[in-house]
Amino acid sequence: MVEIASPRLKHLLSDWEGRRRGREFPCRADFTPFDLKYILGNLSLLDVTYDPLQFRYRLHASNISERMEKDMTNKIVDDLPAAAHVQKARNQFGEVVRSRVPIAFTLSHEFLDHRDPHNCEVLLLPLSNDGTSINMIMSGIVWEDDNEQL
């Protein structure tokens, strides 16, 4: 079981579980923006491609874009502005593909605009068009300064 403190991320995991409907993974089409309105500004979608393994932001969370002053929509993870963030993101997204399960973690993240760390909790969820092959990752993030207990 994934350990999660944030009520919104717990809700997102519950939504993901409910949409599996007997499949290993739900697909992107199982979710509508209306269904996810409680986390929309904190939600990213990444396309997963193989040979080599690569992650491209189909949608970059607007709240992350605002904090880092860069929108990563339609960019690959390797285009993140800080090299340390690139490797960390590749490792985390790669772990979802390798383990084939949701993962959650907390981290202290420094954003480039003001260099102050912001503790946050992240939930990464695998998605699949065919119910088996992971072709997308849904990423939810909640910061402790969003008035949530982490």
C-alpha atoms as a PDB file:
ATOM      1  CA  MET A   1       0.000   0.000   0.000  1.00  0.00           C
ATOM      2  CA  VAL A   2       1.215   3.478  -0.857  1.00  0.00           C
ATOM      3  CA  GLU A   3       1.737   5.758   2.182  1.00  0.00           C
ATOM      4  CA  ILE A   4       0.149   9.170   1.541  1.00  0.00           C
ATOM      5  CA  ALA A   5      -0.483  12.060   3.940  1.00  0.00           C
ATOM      6  CA  SER A   6      -2.244  14.574   1.659  1.00  0.00           C
ATOM      7  CA  PRO A   7      -6.056  14.241   1.515  1.00  0.00           C
ATOM      8  CA  ARG A   8      -6.064  15.353  -2.146  1.00  0.00           C
ATOM      9  CA  LEU A   9      -3.460  12.744  -3.117  1.00  0.00           C
ATOM     10  CA  LYS A  10      -5.363  10.071  -1.188  1.00  0.00           C
ATOM     11  CA  HIS A  11      -8.433  11.077  -3.194  1.00  0.00           C
ATOM     12  CA  LEU A  12      -6.431  10.870  -6.453  1.00  0.00           C
ATOM     13  CA  LEU A  13      -5.179   7.368  -5.605  1.00  0.00           C
ATOM     14  CA  SER A  14      -8.728   6.295  -4.752  1.00  0.00           C
ATOM     15  CA  ASP A  15      -9.964   7.683  -8.096  1.00  0.00           C
ATOM     16  CA  TRP A  16      -7.165   5.806  -9.914  1.00  0.00           C
ATOM     17  CA  GLU A  17      -8.041   2.543  -8.119  1.00  0.00           C
ATOM     18  CA  GLY A  18     -11.748   2.958  -8.885  1.00  0.00           C
ATOM     19  CA  ARG A  19     -11.138   3.463 -12.586  1.00  0.00           C
ATOM     20  CA  ARG A  20      -9.040   0.312 -13.007  1.00  0.00           C
ATOM     21  CA  ARG A  21     -12.206  -1.819 -13.249  1.00  0.00           C
ATOM     22  CA  GLY A  22     -10.324  -5.132 -13.150  1.00  0.00           C
ATOM     23  CA  ARG A  23      -7.440  -3.909 -15.311  1.00  0.00           C
ATOM     24  CA  GLU A  24      -3.879  -3.538 -14.128  1.00  0.00           C
ATOM     25  CA  PHE A  25      -4.030   0.202 -14.941  1.00  0.00           C
ATOM     26  CA  PRO A  26      -6.724   2.706 -15.929  1.00  0.00           C
ATOM     27  CA  CYS A  27      -6.244   4.782 -19.080  1.00  0.00           C
ATOM     28  CA  ARG A  28      -6.182   8.563 -19.517  1.00  0.00           C
ATOM     29  CA  ALA A  29      -9.663   8.482 -21.068  1.00  0.00           C
ATOM     30  CA  ASP A  30     -11.061   7.127 -17.785  1.00  0.00           C
ATOM     31  CA  PHE A  31     -10.576  10.600 -16.226  1.00  0.00           C
ATOM     32  CA  THR A  32     -12.196  13.908 -17.129  1.00  0.00           C
ATOM     33  CA  PRO A  33     -11.047  17.354 -15.985  1.00  0.00           C
ATOM     34  CA  PHE A  34     -14.318  17.608 -14.038  1.00  0.00           C
ATOM     35  CA  ASP A  35     -13.447  14.400 -12.149  1.00  0.00           C
ATOM     36  CA  LEU A  36     -10.071  15.878 -11.174  1.00  0.00           C
ATOM     37  CA  LYS A  37     -11.046  19.474 -10.423  1.00  0.00           C
ATOM     38  CA  TYR A  38      -9.840  19.083  -6.815  1.00  0.00           C
ATOM     39  CA  ILE A  39      -6.225  18.674  -8.043  1.00  0.00           C
ATOM     40  CA  LEU A  40      -6.133  20.120 -11.583  1.00  0.00           C
ATOM     41  CA  GLY A  41      -3.539  22.874 -11.048  1.00  0.00           C
ATOM     42  CA  ASN A  42      -1.278  20.344  -9.358  1.00  0.00           C
ATOM     43  CA  LEU A  43      -1.589  17.567 -11.936  1.00  0.00           C
ATOM     44  CA  SER A  44       0.826  16.674 -14.745  1.00  0.00           C
ATOM     45  CA  LEU A  45       0.518  14.035 -17.463  1.00  0.00           C
ATOM     46  CA  LEU A  46       3.647  12.511 -18.986  1.00  0.00           C
ATOM     47  CA  ASP A  47       3.819  10.370 -22.104  1.00  0.00           C
ATOM     48  CA  VAL A  48       6.117   7.353 -21.730  1.00  0.00           C
ATOM     49  CA  THR A  49       8.084   6.112 -24.732  1.00  0.00           C
ATOM     50  CA  TYR A  50      10.539   3.228 -24.887  1.00  0.00           C
ATOM     51  CA  ASP A  51      13.883   2.424 -26.560  1.00  0.00           C
ATOM     52  CA  PRO A  52      15.181   4.586 -25.015  1.00  0.00           C
ATOM     53  CA  LEU A  53      12.924   5.191 -22.030  1.00  0.00           C
ATOM     54  CA  GLN A  54      11.785   8.824 -22.220  1.00  0.00           C
ATOM     55  CA  PHE A  55       9.191  10.994 -20.486  1.00  0.00           C
ATOM     56  CA  ARG A  56       7.462  13.947 -22.179  1.00  0.00           C
ATOM     57  CA  TYR A  57       5.131  16.325 -20.382  1.00  0.00           C
ATOM     58  CA  ARG A  58       1.833  16.240 -22.245  1.00  0.00           C
ATOM     59  CA  LEU A  59       0.489  18.593 -19.585  1.00  0.00           C
ATOM     60  CA  HIS A  60       2.608  20.334 -16.962  1.00  0.00           C
ATOM     61  CA  ALA A  61       0.807  21.364 -13.777  1.00  0.00           C
ATOM     62  CA  SER A  62       0.104  25.096 -13.851  1.00  0.00           C
ATOM     63  CA  ASN A  63       1.036  25.497 -10.169  1.00  0.00           C
ATOM     64  CA  ILE A  64       4.444  23.903 -10.784  1.00  0.00           C
ATOM     65  CA  SER A  65       4.964  26.033 -13.897  1.00  0.00           C
ATOM     66  CA  GLU A  66       4.202  29.143 -11.874  1.00  0.00           C
ATOM     67  CA  ARG A  67       6.574  28.191  -9.048  1.00  0.00           C
ATOM     68  CA  MET A  68       9.477  27.326 -11.348  1.00  0.00           C
ATOM     69  CA  GLU A  69       8.661  30.027 -13.917  1.00  0.00           C
ATOM     70  CA  LYS A  70       8.842  27.493 -16.736  1.00  0.00           C
ATOM     71  CA  ASP A  71       6.113  25.515 -18.459  1.00  0.00           C
ATOM     72  CA  MET A  72       7.323  22.042 -19.393  1.00  0.00           C
ATOM     73  CA  THR A  73       4.259  21.150 -21.499  1.00  0.00           C
ATOM     74  CA  ASN A  74       5.435  19.330 -24.677  1.00  0.00           C
ATOM     75  CA  LYS A  75       9.000  19.157 -23.346  1.00  0.00           C
ATOM     76  CA  ILE A  76      10.935  16.100 -22.222  1.00  0.00           C
ATOM     77  CA  VAL A  77      12.141  15.638 -18.660  1.00  0.00           C
ATOM     78  CA  ASP A  78      15.703  16.198 -19.887  1.00  0.00           C
ATOM     79  CA  ASP A  79      14.685  19.834 -20.591  1.00  0.00           C
ATOM     80  CA  LEU A  80      14.097  20.617 -16.891  1.00  0.00           C
ATOM     81  CA  PRO A  81      16.134  23.689 -15.956  1.00  0.00           C
ATOM     82  CA  ALA A  82      18.297  22.028 -13.274  1.00  0.00           C
ATOM     83  CA  ALA A  83      20.451  18.961 -13.946  1.00  0.00           C
ATOM     84  CA  ALA A  84      19.803  17.589 -10.445  1.00  0.00           C
ATOM     85  CA  HIS A  85      16.065  17.701 -11.110  1.00  0.00           C
ATOM     86  CA  VAL A  86      16.474  15.878 -14.436  1.00  0.00           C
ATOM     87  CA  GLN A  87      18.121  12.826 -12.900  1.00  0.00           C
ATOM     88  CA  LYS A  88      15.767  12.765  -9.919  1.00  0.00           C
ATOM     89  CA  ALA A  89      12.688  12.965 -12.190  1.00  0.00           C
ATOM     90  CA  ARG A  90      14.022  10.301 -14.577  1.00  0.00           C
ATOM     91  CA  ASN A  91      14.661   7.991 -11.606  1.00  0.00           C
ATOM     92  CA  GLN A  92      11.208   8.549 -10.088  1.00  0.00           C
ATOM     93  CA  PHE A  93       9.283   8.146 -13.348  1.00  0.00           C
ATOM     94  CA  GLY A  94      11.459   5.166 -14.282  1.00  0.00           C
ATOM     95  CA  GLU A  95      10.622   3.532 -10.953  1.00  0.00           C
ATOM     96  CA  VAL A  96       6.894   3.711 -11.781  1.00  0.00           C
ATOM     97  CA  VAL A  97       7.553   1.964 -15.116  1.00  0.00           C
ATOM     98  CA  ARG A  98       9.808  -0.689 -13.542  1.00  0.00           C
ATOM     99  CA  SER A  99       7.688  -1.410 -10.456  1.00  0.00           C
ATOM    100  CA  ARG A 100       4.342  -1.092 -12.266  1.00  0.00           C
ATOM    101  CA  VAL A 101       2.671   0.362  -9.167  1.00  0.00           C
ATOM    102  CA  PRO A 102       1.843   3.856  -7.899  1.00  0.00           C
ATOM    103  CA  ILE A 103       4.598   5.482  -5.887  1.00  0.00           C
ATOM    104  CA  ALA A 104       4.436   8.368  -3.432  1.00  0.00           C
ATOM    105  CA  PHE A 105       7.217  10.348  -1.821  1.00  0.00           C
ATOM    106  CA  THR A 106       7.934  13.608  -0.081  1.00  0.00           C
ATOM    107  CA  LEU A 107      10.727  15.978  -0.902  1.00  0.00           C
ATOM    108  CA  SER A 108      12.100  19.404  -0.239  1.00  0.00           C
ATOM    109  CA  HIS A 109      12.169  21.122  -3.603  1.00  0.00           C
ATOM    110  CA  GLU A 110      14.034  24.279  -4.445  1.00  0.00           C
ATOM    111  CA  PHE A 111      12.437  26.307  -7.177  1.00  0.00           C
ATOM    112  CA  LEU A 112      14.650  28.424  -9.359  1.00  0.00           C
ATOM    113  CA  ASP A 113      12.725  31.668  -8.916  1.00  0.00           C
ATOM    114  CA  HIS A 114      13.500  32.206  -5.235  1.00  0.00           C
ATOM    115  CA  ARG A 115      15.686  29.295  -4.109  1.00  0.00           C
ATOM    116  CA  ASP A 116      13.508  28.619  -1.079  1.00  0.00           C
ATOM    117  CA  PRO A 117      12.757  24.958  -0.420  1.00  0.00           C
ATOM    118  CA  HIS A 118       9.145  23.878  -0.488  1.00  0.00           C
ATOM    119  CA  ASN A 119       8.251  20.585   1.121  1.00  0.00           C
ATOM    120  CA  CYS A 120       5.826  18.647  -1.013  1.00  0.00           C
ATOM    121  CA  GLU A 121       4.291  15.242  -1.467  1.00  0.00           C
ATOM    122  CA  VAL A 122       4.112  13.611  -4.895  1.00  0.00           C
ATOM    123  CA  LEU A 123       1.996  10.727  -6.193  1.00  0.00           C
ATOM    124  CA  LEU A 124       2.911   9.050  -9.489  1.00  0.00           C
ATOM    125  CA  LEU A 125       0.289   6.835 -11.128  1.00  0.00           C
ATOM    126  CA  PRO A 126       0.819   4.578 -14.157  1.00  0.00           C
ATOM    127  CA  LEU A 127      -1.756   4.741 -16.972  1.00  0.00           C
ATOM    128  CA  SER A 128      -2.213   2.451 -19.961  1.00  0.00           C
ATOM    129  CA  ASN A 129      -4.276   2.565 -23.153  1.00  0.00           C
ATOM    130  CA  ASP A 130      -4.444  -1.242 -23.298  1.00  0.00           C
ATOM    131  CA  GLY A 131      -4.600  -1.918 -19.535  1.00  0.00           C
ATOM    132  CA  THR A 132      -1.123  -3.504 -19.525  1.00  0.00           C
ATOM    133  CA  SER A 133       1.579  -1.392 -21.217  1.00  0.00           C
ATOM    134  CA  ILE A 134       2.361   1.842 -19.342  1.00  0.00           C
ATOM    135  CA  ASN A 135       2.190   4.673 -21.868  1.00  0.00           C
ATOM    136  CA  MET A 136       1.506   7.583 -19.499  1.00  0.00           C
ATOM    137  CA  ILE A 137       2.133   8.699 -15.934  1.00  0.00           C
ATOM    138  CA  MET A 138      -0.214  10.948 -13.976  1.00  0.00           C
ATOM    139  CA  SER A 139       1.656  13.034 -11.406  1.00  0.00           C
ATOM    140  CA  GLY A 140      -0.051  14.861  -8.543  1.00  0.00           C
ATOM    141  CA  ILE A 141       1.859  17.208  -6.244  1.00  0.00           C
ATOM    142  CA  VAL A 142       0.781  19.019  -3.085  1.00  0.00           C
ATOM    143  CA  TRP A 143       2.935  21.522  -1.177  1.00  0.00           C
ATOM    144  CA  GLU A 144       2.802  21.886   2.584  1.00  0.00           C
ATOM    145  CA  ASP A 145       2.147  25.610   2.109  1.00  0.00           C
ATOM    146  CA  ASP A 146      -1.119  24.656   0.321  1.00  0.00           C
ATOM    147  CA  ASN A 147      -2.613  24.375   3.833  1.00  0.00           C
ATOM    148  CA  GLU A 148      -2.444  20.591   3.866  1.00  0.00           C
ATOM    149  CA  GLN A 149      -0.732  18.487   6.480  1.00  0.00           C
ATOM    150  CA  LEU A 150       2.002  16.365   4.907  1.00  0.00           C
END
